[in-house]
Amino acid sequence: MHNEPGGSSFDIKGILKAQCNRSPMLFIDRVCECVPGQSARSEKNFTYNEWFFPTHYEDDPNVPGFVLVESLTQSFLMAFLSLPEHFGSRTSFLNIKDATFRRRVVPGDRLVIDSQIASFKRGIARGTSIGRVDGELAVSAEVTIGLPKILEQYKPKT
């Protein structure tokens, strides 16, 4: 694994260095492939030990939609937070569009997420993330994420 800025893959230690999400809100386990500034392929292994399964739902556990969307987003973050100049930066969710849920994700499933940056300008990254389980589409969304440290430069001065 390459856990440093500009790396092509990250284990959990590298992910923790690159982004600000922490347990219990960290929803990717590793980044298998990364082309900094372009794309990332990440994985999340869901086990029954996850904090949300007992209440969602005890008799029919499945991953809540917000967790799936956050998993997609965290994979997308790694596509640009892997760049040396943005490594470890804070991010802000600006928009989510066309979130689609096609398959339930349950304990024991591995969600493989492919994230692609469509544009990255002035601290705003736009793109898509698609999550699959066993090759079958489970969830997808278009996301827009901002980097506050860059966005601040473009605020009108008072």
N, C-alpha and C. Protein backbone atom coordinates (compact mmCIF):
# COMPACT_ATOMS: atom_id res chain seq x y z
N MET A 1 0.84 -1.19 0.00
CA MET A 1 0.00 0.00 0.00
C MET A 1 0.88 1.24 0.00
N HIS A 2 0.44 2.24 -0.70
CA HIS A 2 1.10 3.55 -0.71
C HIS A 2 0.23 4.49 0.10
N ASN A 3 0.67 4.83 1.28
CA ASN A 3 -0.15 5.64 2.19
C ASN A 3 0.25 7.11 2.21
N GLU A 4 0.99 7.53 1.24
CA GLU A 4 1.46 8.91 1.20
C GLU A 4 0.76 9.67 0.08
N PRO A 5 0.79 11.01 0.15
CA PRO A 5 0.19 11.82 -0.91
C PRO A 5 0.69 11.38 -2.29
N GLY A 6 -0.21 11.33 -3.26
CA GLY A 6 0.14 10.90 -4.60
C GLY A 6 0.12 9.39 -4.77
N GLY A 7 -0.26 8.67 -3.71
CA GLY A 7 -0.24 7.22 -3.75
C GLY A 7 -1.30 6.62 -4.65
N SER A 8 -1.08 5.36 -5.02
CA SER A 8 -2.02 4.66 -5.90
C SER A 8 -2.93 3.71 -5.14
N SER A 9 -2.70 3.53 -3.83
CA SER A 9 -3.57 2.72 -2.98
C SER A 9 -3.35 3.12 -1.53
N PHE A 10 -4.38 2.88 -0.71
CA PHE A 10 -4.31 3.29 0.70
C PHE A 10 -4.98 2.23 1.57
N ASP A 11 -4.31 1.85 2.66
CA ASP A 11 -4.98 1.02 3.66
C ASP A 11 -5.66 1.98 4.64
N ILE A 12 -6.19 1.45 5.73
CA ILE A 12 -6.96 2.28 6.65
C ILE A 12 -6.10 3.40 7.24
N LYS A 13 -4.82 3.13 7.50
CA LYS A 13 -3.93 4.17 8.05
C LYS A 13 -3.77 5.32 7.05
N GLY A 14 -3.65 5.00 5.80
CA GLY A 14 -3.52 6.03 4.77
C GLY A 14 -4.79 6.82 4.58
N ILE A 15 -5.93 6.14 4.65
CA ILE A 15 -7.22 6.82 4.53
C ILE A 15 -7.39 7.82 5.67
N LEU A 16 -7.01 7.41 6.88
CA LEU A 16 -7.12 8.29 8.04
C LEU A 16 -6.20 9.51 7.92
N LYS A 17 -5.07 9.37 7.25
CA LYS A 17 -4.18 10.50 7.01
C LYS A 17 -4.77 11.44 5.94
N ALA A 18 -5.41 10.85 4.94
CA ALA A 18 -5.86 11.62 3.78
C ALA A 18 -7.15 12.40 4.03
N GLN A 19 -8.08 11.84 4.80
CA GLN A 19 -9.36 12.52 5.01
C GLN A 19 -9.68 12.63 6.49
N CYS A 20 -10.66 13.47 6.80
CA CYS A 20 -10.97 13.79 8.20
C CYS A 20 -12.05 12.91 8.82
N ASN A 21 -12.67 12.01 8.09
CA ASN A 21 -13.71 11.14 8.64
C ASN A 21 -13.09 10.13 9.62
N ARG A 22 -13.81 9.88 10.71
CA ARG A 22 -13.35 8.95 11.74
C ARG A 22 -14.50 8.06 12.16
N SER A 23 -14.17 6.94 12.81
CA SER A 23 -15.17 6.04 13.34
C SER A 23 -16.07 6.79 14.31
N PRO A 24 -17.35 6.60 14.30
CA PRO A 24 -18.11 5.58 13.57
C PRO A 24 -18.59 6.05 12.19
N MET A 25 -18.07 7.17 11.68
CA MET A 25 -18.54 7.68 10.40
C MET A 25 -17.54 7.46 9.26
N LEU A 26 -16.59 6.57 9.43
CA LEU A 26 -15.66 6.21 8.36
C LEU A 26 -16.23 4.98 7.66
N PHE A 27 -16.53 5.10 6.38
CA PHE A 27 -17.25 4.03 5.68
C PHE A 27 -16.52 3.48 4.46
N ILE A 28 -15.19 3.57 4.42
CA ILE A 28 -14.41 2.80 3.45
C ILE A 28 -13.27 2.15 4.23
N ASP A 29 -12.90 0.94 3.81
CA ASP A 29 -11.86 0.19 4.50
C ASP A 29 -10.50 0.28 3.81
N ARG A 30 -10.53 0.41 2.48
CA ARG A 30 -9.28 0.55 1.75
C ARG A 30 -9.55 1.14 0.37
N VAL A 31 -8.51 1.72 -0.18
CA VAL A 31 -8.55 2.24 -1.54
C VAL A 31 -7.62 1.34 -2.34
N CYS A 32 -8.21 0.53 -3.22
CA CYS A 32 -7.45 -0.47 -3.97
C CYS A 32 -6.65 0.14 -5.11
N GLU A 33 -7.27 1.11 -5.79
CA GLU A 33 -6.63 1.77 -6.93
C GLU A 33 -6.97 3.25 -6.85
N CYS A 34 -5.97 4.06 -7.13
CA CYS A 34 -6.20 5.50 -7.10
C CYS A 34 -5.34 6.16 -8.18
N VAL A 35 -5.96 7.01 -8.96
CA VAL A 35 -5.24 7.88 -9.89
C VAL A 35 -5.51 9.29 -9.36
N PRO A 36 -4.57 9.84 -8.58
CA PRO A 36 -4.81 11.13 -7.94
C PRO A 36 -5.28 12.20 -8.93
N GLY A 37 -6.39 12.85 -8.54
CA GLY A 37 -6.98 13.88 -9.37
C GLY A 37 -7.93 13.36 -10.42
N GLN A 38 -8.09 12.01 -10.49
CA GLN A 38 -8.96 11.43 -11.51
C GLN A 38 -9.97 10.42 -10.97
N SER A 39 -9.48 9.40 -10.26
CA SER A 39 -10.39 8.32 -9.87
C SER A 39 -9.89 7.57 -8.65
N ALA A 40 -10.81 6.80 -8.06
CA ALA A 40 -10.47 5.92 -6.94
C ALA A 40 -11.41 4.72 -6.96
N ARG A 41 -10.89 3.57 -6.60
CA ARG A 41 -11.70 2.37 -6.38
C ARG A 41 -11.48 1.97 -4.93
N SER A 42 -12.59 1.94 -4.18
CA SER A 42 -12.53 1.67 -2.75
C SER A 42 -13.41 0.49 -2.39
N GLU A 43 -13.19 -0.04 -1.19
CA GLU A 43 -13.99 -1.16 -0.70
C GLU A 43 -14.47 -0.88 0.71
N LYS A 44 -15.67 -1.36 0.99
CA LYS A 44 -16.21 -1.35 2.35
C LYS A 44 -16.80 -2.73 2.60
N ASN A 45 -16.31 -3.39 3.64
CA ASN A 45 -16.82 -4.69 4.06
C ASN A 45 -17.81 -4.47 5.19
N PHE A 46 -19.06 -4.83 4.97
CA PHE A 46 -20.08 -4.64 6.00
C PHE A 46 -20.23 -5.92 6.81
N THR A 47 -20.04 -5.80 8.13
CA THR A 47 -20.23 -6.93 9.03
C THR A 47 -21.37 -6.60 9.99
N TYR A 48 -21.93 -7.61 10.59
CA TYR A 48 -23.04 -7.37 11.51
C TYR A 48 -22.61 -6.54 12.72
N ASN A 49 -21.31 -6.40 12.94
CA ASN A 49 -20.81 -5.60 14.07
C ASN A 49 -21.01 -4.11 13.87
N GLU A 50 -21.40 -3.67 12.68
CA GLU A 50 -21.61 -2.23 12.43
C GLU A 50 -22.67 -1.71 13.40
N TRP A 51 -22.49 -0.51 13.87
CA TRP A 51 -23.35 0.09 14.90
C TRP A 51 -24.80 0.24 14.46
N PHE A 52 -25.08 0.34 13.19
CA PHE A 52 -26.44 0.62 12.71
C PHE A 52 -27.28 -0.62 12.46
N PHE A 53 -26.66 -1.79 12.32
CA PHE A 53 -27.46 -2.98 11.97
C PHE A 53 -28.50 -3.38 13.02
N PRO A 54 -28.20 -3.35 14.32
CA PRO A 54 -29.23 -3.78 15.28
C PRO A 54 -30.52 -2.95 15.23
N THR A 55 -30.42 -1.70 14.80
CA THR A 55 -31.63 -0.87 14.73
C THR A 55 -32.16 -0.70 13.31
N HIS A 56 -31.45 -1.25 12.32
CA HIS A 56 -31.85 -1.06 10.92
C HIS A 56 -31.73 -2.38 10.15
N TYR A 57 -32.46 -3.30 10.27
CA TYR A 57 -33.52 -3.59 11.24
C TYR A 57 -33.18 -4.89 11.91
N GLU A 58 -33.57 -5.03 13.16
CA GLU A 58 -33.17 -6.21 13.93
C GLU A 58 -33.53 -7.51 13.22
N ASP A 59 -34.72 -7.60 12.66
CA ASP A 59 -35.16 -8.84 12.02
C ASP A 59 -34.81 -8.91 10.53
N ASP A 60 -34.25 -7.83 9.96
CA ASP A 60 -33.92 -7.81 8.53
C ASP A 60 -32.82 -6.76 8.31
N PRO A 61 -31.61 -7.00 8.86
CA PRO A 61 -30.56 -5.97 8.81
C PRO A 61 -30.14 -5.63 7.38
N ASN A 62 -30.04 -4.31 7.11
CA ASN A 62 -29.51 -3.83 5.84
C ASN A 62 -28.89 -2.46 6.07
N VAL A 63 -28.01 -2.07 5.15
CA VAL A 63 -27.27 -0.82 5.30
C VAL A 63 -28.19 0.35 4.99
N PRO A 64 -28.28 1.33 5.89
CA PRO A 64 -29.11 2.52 5.63
C PRO A 64 -28.60 3.31 4.42
N GLY A 65 -29.52 3.95 3.73
CA GLY A 65 -29.17 4.73 2.54
C GLY A 65 -28.12 5.79 2.80
N PHE A 66 -28.20 6.48 3.95
CA PHE A 66 -27.23 7.54 4.21
C PHE A 66 -25.82 6.98 4.35
N VAL A 67 -25.70 5.75 4.87
CA VAL A 67 -24.39 5.12 4.99
C VAL A 67 -23.84 4.79 3.61
N LEU A 68 -24.70 4.30 2.72
CA LEU A 68 -24.27 3.99 1.36
C LEU A 68 -23.81 5.27 0.64
N VAL A 69 -24.57 6.35 0.78
CA VAL A 69 -24.20 7.62 0.15
C VAL A 69 -22.88 8.13 0.72
N GLU A 70 -22.70 8.02 2.02
CA GLU A 70 -21.45 8.47 2.64
C GLU A 70 -20.28 7.60 2.18
N SER A 71 -20.50 6.31 1.98
CA SER A 71 -19.44 5.44 1.45
C SER A 71 -19.02 5.89 0.05
N LEU A 72 -20.01 6.18 -0.80
CA LEU A 72 -19.72 6.67 -2.15
C LEU A 72 -18.91 7.97 -2.07
N THR A 73 -19.32 8.86 -1.19
CA THR A 73 -18.67 10.16 -1.06
C THR A 73 -17.24 10.01 -0.57
N GLN A 74 -17.01 9.16 0.41
CA GLN A 74 -15.66 8.99 0.95
C GLN A 74 -14.71 8.39 -0.09
N SER A 75 -15.21 7.53 -0.93
CA SER A 75 -14.39 7.02 -2.03
C SER A 75 -14.06 8.16 -3.00
N PHE A 76 -15.06 8.97 -3.32
CA PHE A 76 -14.86 10.11 -4.22
C PHE A 76 -13.83 11.08 -3.64
N LEU A 77 -13.89 11.31 -2.33
CA LEU A 77 -12.91 12.19 -1.68
C LEU A 77 -11.48 11.74 -1.95
N MET A 78 -11.26 10.44 -1.92
CA MET A 78 -9.91 9.92 -2.08
C MET A 78 -9.36 10.19 -3.48
N ALA A 79 -10.23 10.40 -4.46
CA ALA A 79 -9.77 10.69 -5.81
C ALA A 79 -9.04 12.03 -5.88
N PHE A 80 -9.39 12.98 -5.00
CA PHE A 80 -8.66 14.26 -5.02
C PHE A 80 -7.88 14.53 -3.74
N LEU A 81 -8.27 13.95 -2.61
CA LEU A 81 -7.48 14.13 -1.40
C LEU A 81 -6.15 13.37 -1.47
N SER A 82 -6.01 12.50 -2.44
CA SER A 82 -4.75 11.79 -2.66
C SER A 82 -3.70 12.70 -3.31
N LEU A 83 -4.13 13.85 -3.85
CA LEU A 83 -3.19 14.82 -4.40
C LEU A 83 -2.38 15.44 -3.25
N PRO A 84 -1.07 15.58 -3.41
CA PRO A 84 -0.25 16.11 -2.31
C PRO A 84 -0.76 17.43 -1.76
N GLU A 85 -1.23 18.34 -2.60
CA GLU A 85 -1.65 19.65 -2.13
C GLU A 85 -2.97 19.63 -1.36
N HIS A 86 -3.73 18.53 -1.43
CA HIS A 86 -5.02 18.45 -0.73
C HIS A 86 -5.06 17.36 0.34
N PHE A 87 -3.99 16.58 0.44
CA PHE A 87 -3.91 15.48 1.38
C PHE A 87 -4.23 15.96 2.80
N GLY A 88 -5.22 15.35 3.44
CA GLY A 88 -5.59 15.69 4.81
C GLY A 88 -6.50 16.90 4.95
N SER A 89 -6.95 17.47 3.84
CA SER A 89 -7.79 18.68 3.89
C SER A 89 -9.21 18.38 4.35
N ARG A 90 -9.83 19.36 4.94
CA ARG A 90 -11.26 19.29 5.27
C ARG A 90 -12.07 19.46 4.00
N THR A 91 -13.25 18.86 4.00
CA THR A 91 -14.13 18.95 2.83
C THR A 91 -15.53 19.32 3.28
N SER A 92 -16.31 19.81 2.33
CA SER A 92 -17.72 20.14 2.58
C SER A 92 -18.58 19.54 1.48
N PHE A 93 -19.66 18.91 1.89
CA PHE A 93 -20.64 18.38 0.96
C PHE A 93 -21.40 19.55 0.37
N LEU A 94 -21.40 19.72 -0.95
CA LEU A 94 -22.12 20.82 -1.59
C LEU A 94 -23.40 20.36 -2.27
N ASN A 95 -23.38 19.14 -2.83
CA ASN A 95 -24.57 18.67 -3.55
C ASN A 95 -24.50 17.17 -3.76
N ILE A 96 -25.66 16.57 -3.77
CA ILE A 96 -25.79 15.18 -4.19
C ILE A 96 -26.97 15.14 -5.15
N LYS A 97 -26.78 14.41 -6.23
CA LYS A 97 -27.78 14.38 -7.28
C LYS A 97 -27.96 12.95 -7.76
N ASP A 98 -29.19 12.64 -8.09
CA ASP A 98 -29.51 11.35 -8.71
C ASP A 98 -29.00 10.14 -7.92
N ALA A 99 -29.15 10.18 -6.60
CA ALA A 99 -28.80 9.00 -5.80
C ALA A 99 -29.80 7.90 -6.13
N THR A 100 -29.28 6.76 -6.50
CA THR A 100 -30.12 5.65 -6.93
C THR A 100 -29.73 4.40 -6.14
N PHE A 101 -30.74 3.73 -5.61
CA PHE A 101 -30.52 2.51 -4.82
C PHE A 101 -31.15 1.35 -5.58
N ARG A 102 -30.33 0.40 -6.01
CA ARG A 102 -30.81 -0.70 -6.85
C ARG A 102 -30.83 -2.06 -6.15
N ARG A 103 -30.06 -2.19 -5.08
CA ARG A 103 -29.93 -3.49 -4.42
C ARG A 103 -29.68 -3.25 -2.94
N ARG A 104 -30.29 -4.07 -2.12
CA ARG A 104 -30.03 -4.01 -0.68
C ARG A 104 -28.60 -4.46 -0.41
N VAL A 105 -27.99 -3.83 0.58
CA VAL A 105 -26.67 -4.23 1.03
C VAL A 105 -26.85 -4.73 2.46
N VAL A 106 -26.38 -5.94 2.72
CA VAL A 106 -26.63 -6.62 3.99
C VAL A 106 -25.31 -7.06 4.63
N PRO A 107 -25.36 -7.45 5.91
CA PRO A 107 -24.14 -7.94 6.56
C PRO A 107 -23.49 -9.05 5.74
N GLY A 108 -22.18 -8.95 5.60
CA GLY A 108 -21.43 -9.92 4.81
C GLY A 108 -21.11 -9.44 3.40
N ASP A 109 -21.78 -8.38 2.95
CA ASP A 109 -21.52 -7.85 1.60
C ASP A 109 -20.27 -6.98 1.59
N ARG A 110 -19.58 -7.02 0.46
CA ARG A 110 -18.46 -6.11 0.19
C ARG A 110 -18.91 -5.15 -0.90
N LEU A 111 -18.94 -3.87 -0.57
CA LEU A 111 -19.30 -2.84 -1.52
C LEU A 111 -18.02 -2.35 -2.19
N VAL A 112 -17.95 -2.49 -3.50
CA VAL A 112 -16.81 -2.00 -4.29
C VAL A 112 -17.28 -0.73 -4.98
N ILE A 113 -16.57 0.36 -4.74
CA ILE A 113 -17.00 1.68 -5.20
C ILE A 113 -16.00 2.24 -6.21
N ASP A 114 -16.52 2.60 -7.38
CA ASP A 114 -15.71 3.27 -8.40
C ASP A 114 -16.12 4.73 -8.45
N SER A 115 -15.16 5.60 -8.22
CA SER A 115 -15.40 7.04 -8.20
C SER A 115 -14.59 7.71 -9.30
N GLN A 116 -15.23 8.64 -9.97
CA GLN A 116 -14.60 9.33 -11.10
C GLN A 116 -14.84 10.83 -10.97
N ILE A 117 -13.79 11.61 -11.10
CA ILE A 117 -13.92 13.07 -11.08
C ILE A 117 -14.23 13.53 -12.50
N ALA A 118 -15.30 14.30 -12.65
CA ALA A 118 -15.65 14.88 -13.95
C ALA A 118 -15.01 16.26 -14.10
N SER A 119 -14.98 17.04 -13.01
CA SER A 119 -14.32 18.34 -13.04
C SER A 119 -13.83 18.69 -11.63
N PHE A 120 -12.75 19.46 -11.59
CA PHE A 120 -12.17 19.89 -10.32
C PHE A 120 -11.55 21.26 -10.55
N LYS A 121 -12.32 22.30 -10.17
CA LYS A 121 -11.89 23.67 -10.39
C LYS A 121 -12.23 24.52 -9.18
N ARG A 122 -11.34 25.45 -8.85
CA ARG A 122 -11.57 26.42 -7.78
C ARG A 122 -12.03 25.77 -6.47
N GLY A 123 -11.50 24.58 -6.19
CA GLY A 123 -11.83 23.91 -4.94
C GLY A 123 -13.15 23.18 -4.94
N ILE A 124 -13.74 22.97 -6.12
CA ILE A 124 -15.00 22.23 -6.22
C ILE A 124 -14.80 21.02 -7.12
N ALA A 125 -15.05 19.85 -6.55
CA ALA A 125 -14.93 18.60 -7.28
C ALA A 125 -16.33 18.04 -7.57
N ARG A 126 -16.55 17.72 -8.84
CA ARG A 126 -17.82 17.11 -9.25
C ARG A 126 -17.51 15.77 -9.91
N GLY A 127 -18.40 14.81 -9.65
CA GLY A 127 -18.18 13.52 -10.28
C GLY A 127 -19.21 12.50 -9.85
N THR A 128 -18.89 11.24 -10.11
CA THR A 128 -19.81 10.15 -9.81
C THR A 128 -19.12 9.06 -9.00
N SER A 129 -19.94 8.36 -8.25
CA SER A 129 -19.50 7.16 -7.54
C SER A 129 -20.55 6.09 -7.76
N ILE A 130 -20.08 4.89 -8.03
CA ILE A 130 -20.97 3.75 -8.28
C ILE A 130 -20.51 2.60 -7.38
N GLY A 131 -21.45 2.07 -6.58
CA GLY A 131 -21.15 0.96 -5.68
C GLY A 131 -21.78 -0.33 -6.17
N ARG A 132 -20.98 -1.39 -6.18
CA ARG A 132 -21.46 -2.70 -6.63
C ARG A 132 -21.18 -3.76 -5.56
N VAL A 133 -22.05 -4.75 -5.49
CA VAL A 133 -21.85 -5.92 -4.65
C VAL A 133 -21.85 -7.12 -5.58
N ASP A 134 -20.78 -7.89 -5.55
CA ASP A 134 -20.63 -9.05 -6.44
C ASP A 134 -20.89 -8.66 -7.90
N GLY A 135 -20.42 -7.49 -8.29
CA GLY A 135 -20.57 -7.02 -9.66
C GLY A 135 -21.93 -6.44 -10.01
N GLU A 136 -22.87 -6.52 -9.09
CA GLU A 136 -24.23 -6.03 -9.33
C GLU A 136 -24.39 -4.61 -8.77
N LEU A 137 -24.95 -3.71 -9.58
CA LEU A 137 -25.15 -2.33 -9.16
C LEU A 137 -26.00 -2.30 -7.89
N ALA A 138 -25.48 -1.60 -6.88
CA ALA A 138 -26.21 -1.44 -5.62
C ALA A 138 -26.64 -0.01 -5.41
N VAL A 139 -25.74 0.95 -5.66
CA VAL A 139 -26.01 2.35 -5.37
C VAL A 139 -25.12 3.22 -6.26
N SER A 140 -25.66 4.39 -6.63
CA SER A 140 -24.85 5.34 -7.40
C SER A 140 -25.33 6.75 -7.10
N ALA A 141 -24.46 7.72 -7.34
CA ALA A 141 -24.82 9.13 -7.13
C ALA A 141 -23.81 10.03 -7.80
N GLU A 142 -24.28 11.23 -8.13
CA GLU A 142 -23.40 12.32 -8.55
C GLU A 142 -23.18 13.18 -7.32
N VAL A 143 -21.93 13.52 -7.05
CA VAL A 143 -21.61 14.31 -5.87
C VAL A 143 -20.81 15.55 -6.23
N THR A 144 -20.98 16.58 -5.42
CA THR A 144 -20.19 17.80 -5.53
C THR A 144 -19.64 18.10 -4.15
N ILE A 145 -18.32 18.21 -4.07
CA ILE A 145 -17.63 18.41 -2.81
C ILE A 145 -16.75 19.65 -2.92
N GLY A 146 -16.72 20.44 -1.85
CA GLY A 146 -15.87 21.63 -1.82
C GLY A 146 -14.73 21.49 -0.84
N LEU A 147 -13.66 22.20 -1.13
CA LEU A 147 -12.52 22.31 -0.22
C LEU A 147 -12.56 23.72 0.37
N PRO A 148 -13.01 23.86 1.62
CA PRO A 148 -13.17 25.19 2.22
C PRO A 148 -11.92 26.07 2.14
N LYS A 149 -10.74 25.48 2.27
CA LYS A 149 -9.51 26.29 2.25
C LYS A 149 -9.31 26.98 0.89
N ILE A 150 -9.84 26.40 -0.17
CA ILE A 150 -9.75 27.02 -1.50
C ILE A 150 -10.96 27.91 -1.75
N LEU A 151 -12.14 27.44 -1.37
CA LEU A 151 -13.36 28.22 -1.59
C LEU A 151 -13.27 29.59 -0.93
N GLU A 152 -12.61 29.64 0.21
CA GLU A 152 -12.46 30.90 0.95
C GLU A 152 -11.77 31.97 0.09
N GLN A 153 -10.88 31.58 -0.78
CA GLN A 153 -10.15 32.53 -1.63
C GLN A 153 -11.08 33.22 -2.64
N TYR A 154 -12.22 32.58 -2.95
CA TYR A 154 -13.12 33.10 -3.96
C TYR A 154 -14.33 33.81 -3.38
N LYS A 155 -14.39 33.94 -2.07
CA LYS A 155 -15.49 34.67 -1.43
C LYS A 155 -15.32 36.16 -1.72
N PRO A 156 -16.41 36.85 -1.97
CA PRO A 156 -16.31 38.30 -2.17
C PRO A 156 -15.79 38.97 -0.88
N LYS A 157 -14.92 39.93 -1.06
CA LYS A 157 -14.39 40.68 0.09
C LYS A 157 -15.41 41.75 0.50
N THR A 158 -15.57 41.95 1.80
CA THR A 158 -16.52 42.97 2.27
C THR A 158 -15.85 44.29 2.53
